[in-house]
């Protein structure tokens, strides 16, 4: 499922509900705002993505390239994303090296994250986002995955209520860079977090 706005348009008030996906390649849910802006220079401005509600999703056998991705661009955050009642089964197999790699920005390019390789988290990768709600989220892996469950960078406002996922031994559940205003309930896996 890909919700992409990269050429100056406005994506607002999207509701996705009650979907089952099987044998998913590259990513199960991908929400992105880019600044490719292929329209006329005089009239094309930065686009926006806001008010996206995704619920009651079951994903079976998603490949290990990428988890759920939500990525805006610097100074133009994606706003008000709600993910509720979502279960994703990943193939797993990510390594510690995958979890430590730098994941480049794709703001001006073609909006396909598989071009950038594996994300540094297997479950959820979030960058340049304001106000993210995660409620009743479950990630599963068929094979062990040595990446963190969640990686967030430049995020203001995260509310997590009940998130379950396996965490490999010695690996933090989440890596948080420049994250403000986070509230976590019913998610004991987040006892191990790397934050700055």
N, C-alpha and C. Protein backbone atom coordinates (compact mmCIF):
# COMPACT_ATOMS: atom_id res chain seq x y z
N UNK A 1 0.86 -1.16 0.00
CA UNK A 1 0.00 0.00 0.00
C UNK A 1 0.91 1.23 0.00
N UNK A 2 0.80 2.04 -1.02
CA UNK A 2 1.67 3.21 -1.14
C UNK A 2 0.83 4.47 -1.29
N UNK A 3 1.05 5.43 -0.42
CA UNK A 3 0.43 6.74 -0.49
C UNK A 3 1.56 7.74 -0.70
N UNK A 4 1.68 8.27 -1.91
CA UNK A 4 2.85 9.07 -2.29
C UNK A 4 2.41 10.42 -2.83
N UNK A 5 3.03 11.49 -2.33
CA UNK A 5 2.80 12.84 -2.85
C UNK A 5 4.15 13.51 -3.02
N UNK A 6 4.59 13.67 -4.26
CA UNK A 6 5.95 14.16 -4.48
C UNK A 6 6.03 15.33 -5.46
N UNK A 7 4.93 15.74 -6.06
CA UNK A 7 4.98 16.78 -7.08
C UNK A 7 4.16 18.01 -6.73
N UNK A 8 4.06 18.33 -5.43
CA UNK A 8 3.44 19.58 -5.03
C UNK A 8 1.96 19.52 -4.72
N UNK A 9 1.35 18.35 -4.76
CA UNK A 9 -0.07 18.24 -4.46
C UNK A 9 -0.34 18.15 -2.97
N UNK A 10 -1.61 18.07 -2.62
CA UNK A 10 -2.03 17.95 -1.23
C UNK A 10 -2.80 16.65 -1.05
N UNK A 11 -2.31 15.80 -0.16
CA UNK A 11 -3.01 14.56 0.20
C UNK A 11 -3.57 14.76 1.60
N UNK A 12 -4.89 14.63 1.74
CA UNK A 12 -5.54 14.96 3.00
C UNK A 12 -6.77 14.08 3.20
N UNK A 13 -6.99 13.65 4.45
CA UNK A 13 -8.19 12.90 4.83
C UNK A 13 -8.34 11.61 4.04
N UNK A 14 -7.37 10.72 4.20
CA UNK A 14 -7.40 9.40 3.57
C UNK A 14 -7.74 8.36 4.63
N UNK A 15 -8.69 7.49 4.34
CA UNK A 15 -9.06 6.40 5.25
C UNK A 15 -8.88 5.08 4.52
N UNK A 16 -8.10 4.16 5.13
CA UNK A 16 -7.91 2.82 4.59
C UNK A 16 -8.29 1.85 5.69
N UNK A 17 -9.17 0.88 5.40
CA UNK A 17 -9.66 -0.01 6.45
C UNK A 17 -9.92 -1.41 5.90
N UNK A 18 -9.60 -2.41 6.74
CA UNK A 18 -10.02 -3.79 6.48
C UNK A 18 -9.39 -4.39 5.22
N UNK A 19 -8.07 -4.56 5.26
CA UNK A 19 -7.33 -5.13 4.13
C UNK A 19 -6.44 -6.26 4.62
N UNK A 20 -6.37 -7.34 3.84
CA UNK A 20 -5.42 -8.42 4.07
C UNK A 20 -4.47 -8.46 2.88
N UNK A 21 -3.16 -8.50 3.16
CA UNK A 21 -2.14 -8.58 2.11
C UNK A 21 -1.29 -9.82 2.35
N UNK A 22 -0.92 -10.50 1.27
CA UNK A 22 -0.07 -11.68 1.38
C UNK A 22 1.11 -11.58 0.42
N UNK A 23 2.26 -12.13 0.84
CA UNK A 23 3.48 -12.18 0.02
C UNK A 23 3.85 -10.79 -0.50
N UNK A 24 4.02 -9.87 0.42
CA UNK A 24 4.26 -8.47 0.09
C UNK A 24 5.74 -8.24 -0.19
N UNK A 25 6.02 -7.54 -1.30
CA UNK A 25 7.39 -7.19 -1.66
C UNK A 25 7.68 -5.75 -1.26
N UNK A 26 8.85 -5.54 -0.75
CA UNK A 26 9.45 -4.22 -0.46
C UNK A 26 8.90 -3.54 0.78
N UNK A 27 7.63 -3.30 0.93
CA UNK A 27 7.09 -2.64 2.11
C UNK A 27 5.58 -2.89 2.16
N UNK A 28 5.03 -3.09 3.37
CA UNK A 28 3.58 -3.30 3.47
C UNK A 28 2.79 -2.00 3.44
N UNK A 29 3.31 -0.95 4.08
CA UNK A 29 2.66 0.35 4.08
C UNK A 29 3.74 1.40 3.87
N UNK A 30 3.53 2.27 2.89
CA UNK A 30 4.52 3.30 2.55
C UNK A 30 3.79 4.62 2.37
N UNK A 31 4.09 5.58 3.23
CA UNK A 31 3.50 6.91 3.14
C UNK A 31 4.65 7.89 2.98
N UNK A 32 4.65 8.67 1.91
CA UNK A 32 5.78 9.57 1.69
C UNK A 32 5.35 10.92 1.14
N UNK A 33 6.10 11.92 1.55
CA UNK A 33 6.01 13.26 0.98
C UNK A 33 7.40 13.57 0.43
N UNK A 34 7.47 13.90 -0.85
CA UNK A 34 8.75 14.24 -1.46
C UNK A 34 8.70 15.62 -2.07
N UNK A 35 9.83 16.05 -2.59
CA UNK A 35 9.89 17.37 -3.23
C UNK A 35 10.51 17.26 -4.62
N UNK A 36 10.04 16.26 -5.37
CA UNK A 36 10.48 16.14 -6.76
C UNK A 36 9.97 17.34 -7.57
N UNK A 37 8.71 17.72 -7.35
CA UNK A 37 8.11 18.95 -7.89
C UNK A 37 8.35 19.13 -9.38
N UNK A 38 7.76 18.24 -10.17
CA UNK A 38 7.96 18.28 -11.62
C UNK A 38 7.06 19.29 -12.34
N UNK A 39 6.23 20.01 -11.62
CA UNK A 39 5.36 21.00 -12.27
C UNK A 39 6.11 22.26 -12.65
N UNK A 40 5.40 23.24 -13.20
CA UNK A 40 6.03 24.51 -13.58
C UNK A 40 6.69 25.18 -12.37
N UNK A 41 7.91 25.65 -12.53
CA UNK A 41 8.66 26.23 -11.42
C UNK A 41 7.93 27.41 -10.78
N UNK A 42 7.24 28.20 -11.57
CA UNK A 42 6.60 29.40 -11.04
C UNK A 42 5.40 29.09 -10.15
N UNK A 43 4.79 27.93 -10.31
CA UNK A 43 3.56 27.64 -9.56
C UNK A 43 3.65 26.42 -8.65
N UNK A 44 4.66 25.58 -8.81
CA UNK A 44 4.76 24.37 -8.00
C UNK A 44 5.38 24.68 -6.64
N UNK A 45 4.68 24.30 -5.59
CA UNK A 45 5.18 24.51 -4.23
C UNK A 45 5.33 23.16 -3.56
N UNK A 46 5.86 23.16 -2.35
CA UNK A 46 5.97 21.91 -1.60
C UNK A 46 4.57 21.37 -1.33
N UNK A 47 4.41 20.07 -1.46
CA UNK A 47 3.13 19.44 -1.20
C UNK A 47 2.91 19.20 0.28
N UNK A 48 1.85 18.47 0.59
CA UNK A 48 1.56 18.12 1.98
C UNK A 48 0.87 16.77 2.05
N UNK A 49 1.11 16.08 3.15
CA UNK A 49 0.42 14.82 3.46
C UNK A 49 -0.04 14.93 4.91
N UNK A 50 -1.35 14.79 5.13
CA UNK A 50 -1.86 14.90 6.49
C UNK A 50 -3.19 14.17 6.64
N UNK A 51 -3.47 13.81 7.88
CA UNK A 51 -4.75 13.18 8.24
C UNK A 51 -4.96 11.87 7.48
N UNK A 52 -4.09 10.91 7.75
CA UNK A 52 -4.16 9.58 7.15
C UNK A 52 -4.54 8.59 8.25
N UNK A 53 -5.60 7.81 8.04
CA UNK A 53 -6.10 6.86 9.03
C UNK A 53 -6.09 5.46 8.41
N UNK A 54 -5.27 4.58 8.95
CA UNK A 54 -5.16 3.21 8.43
C UNK A 54 -5.46 2.25 9.56
N UNK A 55 -6.41 1.32 9.34
CA UNK A 55 -6.82 0.43 10.43
C UNK A 55 -7.23 -0.93 9.90
N UNK A 56 -7.18 -1.91 10.81
CA UNK A 56 -7.63 -3.28 10.53
C UNK A 56 -6.92 -3.85 9.30
N UNK A 57 -5.59 -3.92 9.40
CA UNK A 57 -4.75 -4.43 8.32
C UNK A 57 -4.02 -5.67 8.81
N UNK A 58 -4.02 -6.71 8.00
CA UNK A 58 -3.27 -7.95 8.29
C UNK A 58 -2.35 -8.22 7.12
N UNK A 59 -1.05 -8.32 7.40
CA UNK A 59 -0.05 -8.55 6.35
C UNK A 59 0.67 -9.85 6.66
N UNK A 60 0.70 -10.76 5.68
CA UNK A 60 1.34 -12.06 5.84
C UNK A 60 2.53 -12.17 4.90
N UNK A 61 3.68 -12.59 5.44
CA UNK A 61 4.87 -12.88 4.65
C UNK A 61 5.37 -11.66 3.86
N UNK A 62 5.64 -10.58 4.59
CA UNK A 62 6.25 -9.40 3.96
C UNK A 62 7.76 -9.60 3.93
N UNK A 63 8.41 -9.23 2.83
CA UNK A 63 9.85 -9.45 2.77
C UNK A 63 10.57 -8.52 3.75
N UNK A 64 11.84 -8.79 3.97
CA UNK A 64 12.56 -8.12 5.05
C UNK A 64 13.25 -6.83 4.61
N UNK A 65 13.03 -6.38 3.38
CA UNK A 65 13.68 -5.16 2.91
C UNK A 65 13.30 -3.96 3.78
N UNK A 66 12.02 -3.84 4.06
CA UNK A 66 11.54 -2.63 4.72
C UNK A 66 10.30 -2.92 5.54
N UNK A 67 10.21 -2.25 6.66
CA UNK A 67 8.98 -2.27 7.41
C UNK A 67 8.03 -1.21 6.90
N UNK A 68 7.08 -0.84 7.72
CA UNK A 68 6.22 0.29 7.40
C UNK A 68 7.09 1.54 7.35
N UNK A 69 6.93 2.33 6.30
CA UNK A 69 7.71 3.57 6.17
C UNK A 69 6.78 4.77 6.11
N UNK A 70 7.11 5.79 6.90
CA UNK A 70 6.40 7.07 6.86
C UNK A 70 7.48 8.14 6.81
N UNK A 71 7.64 8.79 5.66
CA UNK A 71 8.76 9.71 5.50
C UNK A 71 8.33 11.01 4.82
N UNK A 72 8.53 12.11 5.53
CA UNK A 72 8.36 13.43 4.95
C UNK A 72 9.70 13.95 4.45
N UNK A 73 9.81 15.26 4.35
CA UNK A 73 11.08 15.89 3.97
C UNK A 73 11.41 16.94 5.03
N UNK A 74 12.70 17.31 5.15
CA UNK A 74 13.05 18.32 6.15
C UNK A 74 12.22 19.59 5.97
N UNK A 75 11.71 20.11 7.07
CA UNK A 75 10.89 21.33 7.11
C UNK A 75 9.48 21.15 6.56
N UNK A 76 9.14 19.96 6.07
CA UNK A 76 7.79 19.68 5.58
C UNK A 76 7.36 18.31 6.10
N UNK A 77 6.96 18.28 7.36
CA UNK A 77 6.62 17.02 8.00
C UNK A 77 5.27 16.50 7.52
N UNK A 78 5.17 15.19 7.44
CA UNK A 78 3.86 14.54 7.30
C UNK A 78 3.14 14.72 8.63
N UNK A 79 1.83 14.99 8.59
CA UNK A 79 1.10 15.35 9.80
C UNK A 79 -0.10 14.45 10.06
N UNK A 80 -0.24 14.08 11.32
CA UNK A 80 -1.42 13.37 11.82
C UNK A 80 -1.67 12.06 11.10
N UNK A 81 -0.86 11.08 11.43
CA UNK A 81 -1.00 9.72 10.89
C UNK A 81 -1.45 8.82 12.02
N UNK A 82 -2.50 8.03 11.78
CA UNK A 82 -2.99 7.08 12.77
C UNK A 82 -2.99 5.67 12.18
N UNK A 83 -2.28 4.77 12.86
CA UNK A 83 -2.26 3.35 12.49
C UNK A 83 -2.87 2.58 13.65
N UNK A 84 -3.95 1.83 13.38
CA UNK A 84 -4.66 1.12 14.45
C UNK A 84 -5.01 -0.31 14.00
N UNK A 85 -4.85 -1.25 14.92
CA UNK A 85 -5.24 -2.64 14.70
C UNK A 85 -4.55 -3.21 13.46
N UNK A 86 -3.22 -3.23 13.51
CA UNK A 86 -2.42 -3.68 12.38
C UNK A 86 -1.48 -4.78 12.83
N UNK A 87 -1.46 -5.89 12.08
CA UNK A 87 -0.53 -6.99 12.32
C UNK A 87 0.26 -7.24 11.05
N UNK A 88 1.59 -7.27 11.19
CA UNK A 88 2.46 -7.51 10.04
C UNK A 88 3.41 -8.65 10.38
N UNK A 89 3.41 -9.67 9.52
CA UNK A 89 4.35 -10.79 9.64
C UNK A 89 5.46 -10.59 8.60
N UNK A 90 6.69 -10.42 9.10
CA UNK A 90 7.84 -10.22 8.23
C UNK A 90 8.63 -11.51 8.10
N UNK A 91 9.36 -11.64 7.00
CA UNK A 91 10.25 -12.79 6.83
C UNK A 91 11.40 -12.74 7.82
N UNK A 92 11.86 -11.54 8.17
CA UNK A 92 12.98 -11.41 9.10
C UNK A 92 14.31 -11.61 8.39
N UNK A 93 15.35 -11.87 9.19
CA UNK A 93 16.67 -12.12 8.62
C UNK A 93 17.57 -10.91 8.56
N UNK A 94 17.11 -9.73 9.02
CA UNK A 94 17.96 -8.55 9.03
C UNK A 94 19.12 -8.73 9.99
N UNK A 95 20.25 -8.10 9.69
CA UNK A 95 21.47 -8.24 10.49
C UNK A 95 21.72 -7.00 11.34
N UNK A 96 22.67 -7.12 12.28
CA UNK A 96 23.07 -5.95 13.07
C UNK A 96 23.59 -4.85 12.16
N UNK A 97 24.34 -5.22 11.13
CA UNK A 97 24.87 -4.22 10.19
C UNK A 97 23.73 -3.48 9.49
N UNK A 98 22.67 -4.19 9.13
CA UNK A 98 21.50 -3.53 8.53
C UNK A 98 20.91 -2.49 9.48
N UNK A 99 20.89 -2.83 10.76
CA UNK A 99 20.32 -1.93 11.75
C UNK A 99 21.15 -0.69 12.01
N UNK A 100 22.43 -0.72 11.64
CA UNK A 100 23.32 0.41 11.87
C UNK A 100 23.53 1.28 10.64
N UNK A 101 23.00 0.85 9.50
CA UNK A 101 23.29 1.59 8.27
C UNK A 101 22.53 2.91 8.22
N UNK A 102 23.16 3.87 7.55
CA UNK A 102 22.52 5.17 7.33
C UNK A 102 21.53 5.02 6.18
N UNK A 103 20.32 5.50 6.38
CA UNK A 103 19.28 5.37 5.36
C UNK A 103 19.10 6.73 4.70
N UNK A 104 19.46 6.86 3.41
CA UNK A 104 19.46 8.18 2.77
C UNK A 104 18.07 8.75 2.57
N UNK A 105 18.02 10.06 2.43
CA UNK A 105 16.78 10.76 2.08
C UNK A 105 16.46 10.49 0.61
N UNK A 106 15.19 10.50 0.28
CA UNK A 106 14.76 10.27 -1.10
C UNK A 106 13.86 11.42 -1.56
N UNK A 107 14.07 12.61 -1.01
CA UNK A 107 13.13 13.72 -1.21
C UNK A 107 12.95 14.10 -2.67
N UNK A 108 14.00 14.14 -3.44
CA UNK A 108 13.89 14.65 -4.81
C UNK A 108 13.86 13.54 -5.86
N UNK A 109 13.95 12.30 -5.44
CA UNK A 109 14.00 11.20 -6.38
C UNK A 109 12.65 10.54 -6.62
N UNK A 110 12.69 9.48 -7.41
CA UNK A 110 11.50 8.68 -7.66
C UNK A 110 11.11 8.00 -6.35
N UNK A 111 9.85 8.02 -5.95
CA UNK A 111 9.46 7.57 -4.61
C UNK A 111 9.37 6.06 -4.47
N UNK A 112 10.47 5.38 -4.61
CA UNK A 112 10.51 3.93 -4.42
C UNK A 112 11.61 3.57 -3.44
N UNK A 113 11.26 3.24 -2.21
CA UNK A 113 12.29 3.02 -1.19
C UNK A 113 13.16 1.80 -1.42
N UNK A 114 12.72 0.84 -2.24
CA UNK A 114 13.56 -0.34 -2.46
C UNK A 114 14.87 0.04 -3.12
N UNK A 115 14.92 1.21 -3.75
CA UNK A 115 16.15 1.68 -4.38
C UNK A 115 17.24 1.98 -3.34
N UNK A 116 16.85 2.14 -2.08
CA UNK A 116 17.79 2.54 -1.03
C UNK A 116 18.26 1.38 -0.17
N UNK A 117 17.75 0.18 -0.39
CA UNK A 117 18.16 -0.97 0.42
C UNK A 117 17.34 -1.10 1.69
N UNK A 118 17.82 -1.95 2.60
CA UNK A 118 17.08 -2.25 3.82
C UNK A 118 17.01 -1.05 4.75
N UNK A 119 15.87 -0.90 5.39
CA UNK A 119 15.73 0.12 6.42
C UNK A 119 16.45 -0.35 7.69
N UNK A 120 16.88 0.60 8.55
CA UNK A 120 17.57 0.21 9.78
C UNK A 120 16.64 -0.30 10.88
N UNK A 121 15.36 -0.46 10.59
CA UNK A 121 14.41 -1.08 11.52
C UNK A 121 13.51 -2.00 10.71
N UNK A 122 13.13 -3.12 11.31
CA UNK A 122 12.32 -4.06 10.52
C UNK A 122 10.83 -3.75 10.59
N UNK A 123 10.37 -3.09 11.64
CA UNK A 123 8.94 -2.90 11.82
C UNK A 123 8.42 -1.57 11.31
N UNK A 124 9.06 -0.48 11.73
CA UNK A 124 8.54 0.85 11.43
C UNK A 124 9.70 1.84 11.30
N UNK A 125 9.75 2.54 10.17
CA UNK A 125 10.75 3.58 9.93
C UNK A 125 10.01 4.90 9.72
N UNK A 126 10.29 5.90 10.57
CA UNK A 126 9.55 7.16 10.56
C UNK A 126 10.55 8.31 10.54
N UNK A 127 10.37 9.25 9.58
CA UNK A 127 11.27 10.41 9.51
C UNK A 127 10.47 11.63 9.04
N UNK A 128 10.70 12.76 9.70
CA UNK A 128 10.04 14.03 9.37
C UNK A 128 8.51 13.89 9.46
N UNK A 129 8.05 13.61 10.67
CA UNK A 129 6.61 13.39 10.91
C UNK A 129 6.20 14.16 12.16
N UNK A 130 4.99 14.71 12.12
CA UNK A 130 4.39 15.36 13.28
C UNK A 130 3.07 14.67 13.61
N UNK A 131 2.96 14.19 14.83
CA UNK A 131 1.75 13.56 15.36
C UNK A 131 1.47 12.21 14.70
N UNK A 132 2.03 11.18 15.31
CA UNK A 132 1.86 9.79 14.88
C UNK A 132 1.23 9.01 16.02
N UNK A 133 0.14 8.31 15.72
CA UNK A 133 -0.53 7.46 16.70
C UNK A 133 -0.43 6.00 16.26
N UNK A 134 0.04 5.14 17.16
CA UNK A 134 0.13 3.70 16.92
C UNK A 134 -0.68 3.01 18.00
N UNK A 135 -1.70 2.27 17.61
CA UNK A 135 -2.57 1.62 18.59
C UNK A 135 -2.85 0.18 18.16
N UNK A 136 -2.59 -0.76 19.06
CA UNK A 136 -2.81 -2.19 18.79
C UNK A 136 -2.05 -2.62 17.54
N UNK A 137 -0.73 -2.51 17.61
CA UNK A 137 0.16 -2.87 16.51
C UNK A 137 0.93 -4.12 16.92
N UNK A 138 1.02 -5.09 16.02
CA UNK A 138 1.80 -6.30 16.29
C UNK A 138 2.67 -6.62 15.10
N UNK A 139 3.97 -6.76 15.36
CA UNK A 139 4.92 -7.19 14.34
C UNK A 139 5.40 -8.59 14.71
N UNK A 140 5.50 -9.46 13.71
CA UNK A 140 5.99 -10.83 13.89
C UNK A 140 7.10 -11.07 12.88
N UNK A 141 8.05 -11.95 13.21
CA UNK A 141 9.09 -12.32 12.25
C UNK A 141 9.15 -13.84 12.13
N UNK A 142 9.28 -14.32 10.91
CA UNK A 142 9.42 -15.76 10.68
C UNK A 142 10.81 -16.21 11.11
N UNK A 143 11.84 -15.45 10.72
CA UNK A 143 13.21 -15.68 11.18
C UNK A 143 13.60 -14.53 12.10
N UNK A 144 14.61 -14.77 12.95
CA UNK A 144 15.10 -13.72 13.83
C UNK A 144 15.57 -12.52 13.00
N UNK A 145 15.30 -11.31 13.48
CA UNK A 145 15.77 -10.09 12.81
C UNK A 145 16.54 -9.27 13.83
N UNK A 146 17.78 -8.89 13.49
CA UNK A 146 18.66 -8.21 14.43
C UNK A 146 18.63 -6.69 14.29
N UNK A 147 17.63 -6.17 13.62
CA UNK A 147 17.43 -4.72 13.57
C UNK A 147 16.46 -4.30 14.68
N UNK A 148 16.50 -3.04 15.09
CA UNK A 148 15.47 -2.57 16.02
C UNK A 148 14.08 -2.70 15.40
N UNK A 149 13.07 -2.70 16.25
CA UNK A 149 11.69 -2.74 15.78
C UNK A 149 11.33 -1.42 15.11
N UNK A 150 11.79 -0.31 15.71
CA UNK A 150 11.36 1.00 15.25
C UNK A 150 12.54 1.96 15.20
N UNK A 151 12.57 2.79 14.15
CA UNK A 151 13.58 3.84 14.00
C UNK A 151 12.84 5.14 13.68
N UNK A 152 13.07 6.17 14.49
CA UNK A 152 12.41 7.46 14.28
C UNK A 152 13.45 8.57 14.27
N UNK A 153 13.31 9.50 13.33
CA UNK A 153 14.21 10.63 13.22
C UNK A 153 13.38 11.87 12.86
N UNK A 154 13.56 12.94 13.62
CA UNK A 154 12.84 14.20 13.39
C UNK A 154 11.33 13.98 13.46
N UNK A 155 10.88 13.57 14.63
CA UNK A 155 9.46 13.29 14.85
C UNK A 155 9.00 14.08 16.09
N UNK A 156 7.90 14.79 15.96
CA UNK A 156 7.33 15.55 17.07
C UNK A 156 5.93 15.02 17.35
N UNK A 157 5.81 14.27 18.43
CA UNK A 157 4.51 13.75 18.83
C UNK A 157 4.29 12.32 18.39
N UNK A 158 4.58 11.37 19.28
CA UNK A 158 4.28 9.95 19.02
C UNK A 158 3.48 9.42 20.20
N UNK A 159 2.36 8.80 19.92
CA UNK A 159 1.57 8.14 20.95
C UNK A 159 1.49 6.66 20.59
N UNK A 160 1.99 5.82 21.49
CA UNK A 160 1.98 4.37 21.28
C UNK A 160 1.14 3.74 22.37
N UNK A 161 0.12 2.99 21.98
CA UNK A 161 -0.73 2.29 22.93
C UNK A 161 -0.85 0.84 22.46
N UNK A 162 -0.11 -0.03 23.10
CA UNK A 162 -0.10 -1.46 22.81
C UNK A 162 0.59 -1.77 21.48
N UNK A 163 1.88 -2.02 21.59
CA UNK A 163 2.68 -2.45 20.45
C UNK A 163 3.48 -3.66 20.90
N UNK A 164 3.37 -4.76 20.14
CA UNK A 164 4.06 -6.00 20.46
C UNK A 164 4.95 -6.40 19.29
N UNK A 165 6.17 -6.83 19.61
CA UNK A 165 7.11 -7.24 18.56
C UNK A 165 8.28 -7.96 19.21
N UNK A 166 8.88 -8.92 18.51
CA UNK A 166 10.09 -9.55 19.03
C UNK A 166 11.29 -8.62 18.90
N UNK A 167 12.17 -8.66 19.90
CA UNK A 167 13.40 -7.87 19.89
C UNK A 167 14.57 -8.82 20.06
N UNK A 168 15.53 -8.77 19.15
CA UNK A 168 16.70 -9.65 19.23
C UNK A 168 17.55 -9.30 20.45
N UNK A 169 18.22 -10.29 20.99
CA UNK A 169 19.06 -10.10 22.17
C UNK A 169 20.16 -9.07 21.88
N UNK A 170 20.30 -8.10 22.77
CA UNK A 170 21.34 -7.10 22.63
C UNK A 170 21.02 -5.97 21.67
N UNK A 171 19.81 -5.96 21.14
CA UNK A 171 19.39 -4.93 20.18
C UNK A 171 18.34 -4.04 20.84
N UNK A 172 18.44 -2.71 20.70
CA UNK A 172 17.38 -1.87 21.26
C UNK A 172 16.07 -2.04 20.51
N UNK A 173 14.98 -1.92 21.22
CA UNK A 173 13.67 -2.02 20.56
C UNK A 173 13.45 -0.85 19.61
N UNK A 174 13.98 0.32 19.98
CA UNK A 174 13.77 1.52 19.15
C UNK A 174 15.01 2.39 19.17
N UNK A 175 15.24 3.08 18.06
CA UNK A 175 16.27 4.10 17.96
C UNK A 175 15.55 5.41 17.66
N UNK A 176 15.77 6.41 18.52
CA UNK A 176 15.06 7.68 18.41
C UNK A 176 16.07 8.82 18.30
N UNK A 177 16.05 9.53 17.18
CA UNK A 177 16.90 10.71 16.98
C UNK A 177 16.00 11.93 16.83
N UNK A 178 16.24 12.94 17.63
CA UNK A 178 15.49 14.19 17.53
C UNK A 178 13.97 13.93 17.59
N UNK A 179 13.57 13.19 18.60
CA UNK A 179 12.16 12.86 18.80
C UNK A 179 11.66 13.59 20.05
N UNK A 180 10.53 14.27 19.93
CA UNK A 180 9.95 15.03 21.04
C UNK A 180 8.53 14.55 21.30
N UNK A 181 8.12 14.67 22.55
CA UNK A 181 6.73 14.42 22.94
C UNK A 181 6.28 13.01 22.58
N UNK A 182 6.88 12.03 23.26
CA UNK A 182 6.51 10.63 23.03
C UNK A 182 5.83 10.09 24.28
N UNK A 183 4.74 9.37 24.05
CA UNK A 183 3.99 8.74 25.14
C UNK A 183 3.79 7.27 24.79
N UNK A 184 4.17 6.38 25.72
CA UNK A 184 4.11 4.94 25.47
C UNK A 184 3.30 4.28 26.57
N UNK A 185 2.30 3.47 26.16
CA UNK A 185 1.49 2.69 27.10
C UNK A 185 1.38 1.26 26.58
N UNK A 186 1.40 0.30 27.49
CA UNK A 186 1.17 -1.11 27.16
C UNK A 186 2.14 -1.62 26.08
N UNK A 187 3.40 -1.27 26.22
CA UNK A 187 4.41 -1.72 25.26
C UNK A 187 5.73 -1.92 26.00
N UNK A 188 5.81 -2.99 26.83
CA UNK A 188 7.01 -3.18 27.65
C UNK A 188 8.29 -3.42 26.86
N UNK A 189 8.18 -3.75 25.59
CA UNK A 189 9.39 -3.97 24.80
C UNK A 189 10.25 -2.72 24.72
N UNK A 190 9.67 -1.53 24.94
CA UNK A 190 10.42 -0.29 24.82
C UNK A 190 11.22 0.05 26.07
N UNK A 191 11.51 -0.96 26.89
CA UNK A 191 12.44 -0.74 28.00
C UNK A 191 13.86 -0.52 27.47
N UNK A 192 14.14 -0.99 26.26
CA UNK A 192 15.47 -0.78 25.66
C UNK A 192 15.33 0.13 24.45
N UNK A 193 15.73 1.39 24.64
CA UNK A 193 15.62 2.40 23.59
C UNK A 193 16.92 3.18 23.53
N UNK A 194 17.39 3.48 22.32
CA UNK A 194 18.52 4.38 22.14
C UNK A 194 17.96 5.71 21.68
N UNK A 195 18.22 6.78 22.44
CA UNK A 195 17.65 8.09 22.11
C UNK A 195 18.71 9.16 22.23
N UNK A 196 18.60 10.18 21.37
CA UNK A 196 19.44 11.37 21.50
C UNK A 196 18.64 12.61 21.14
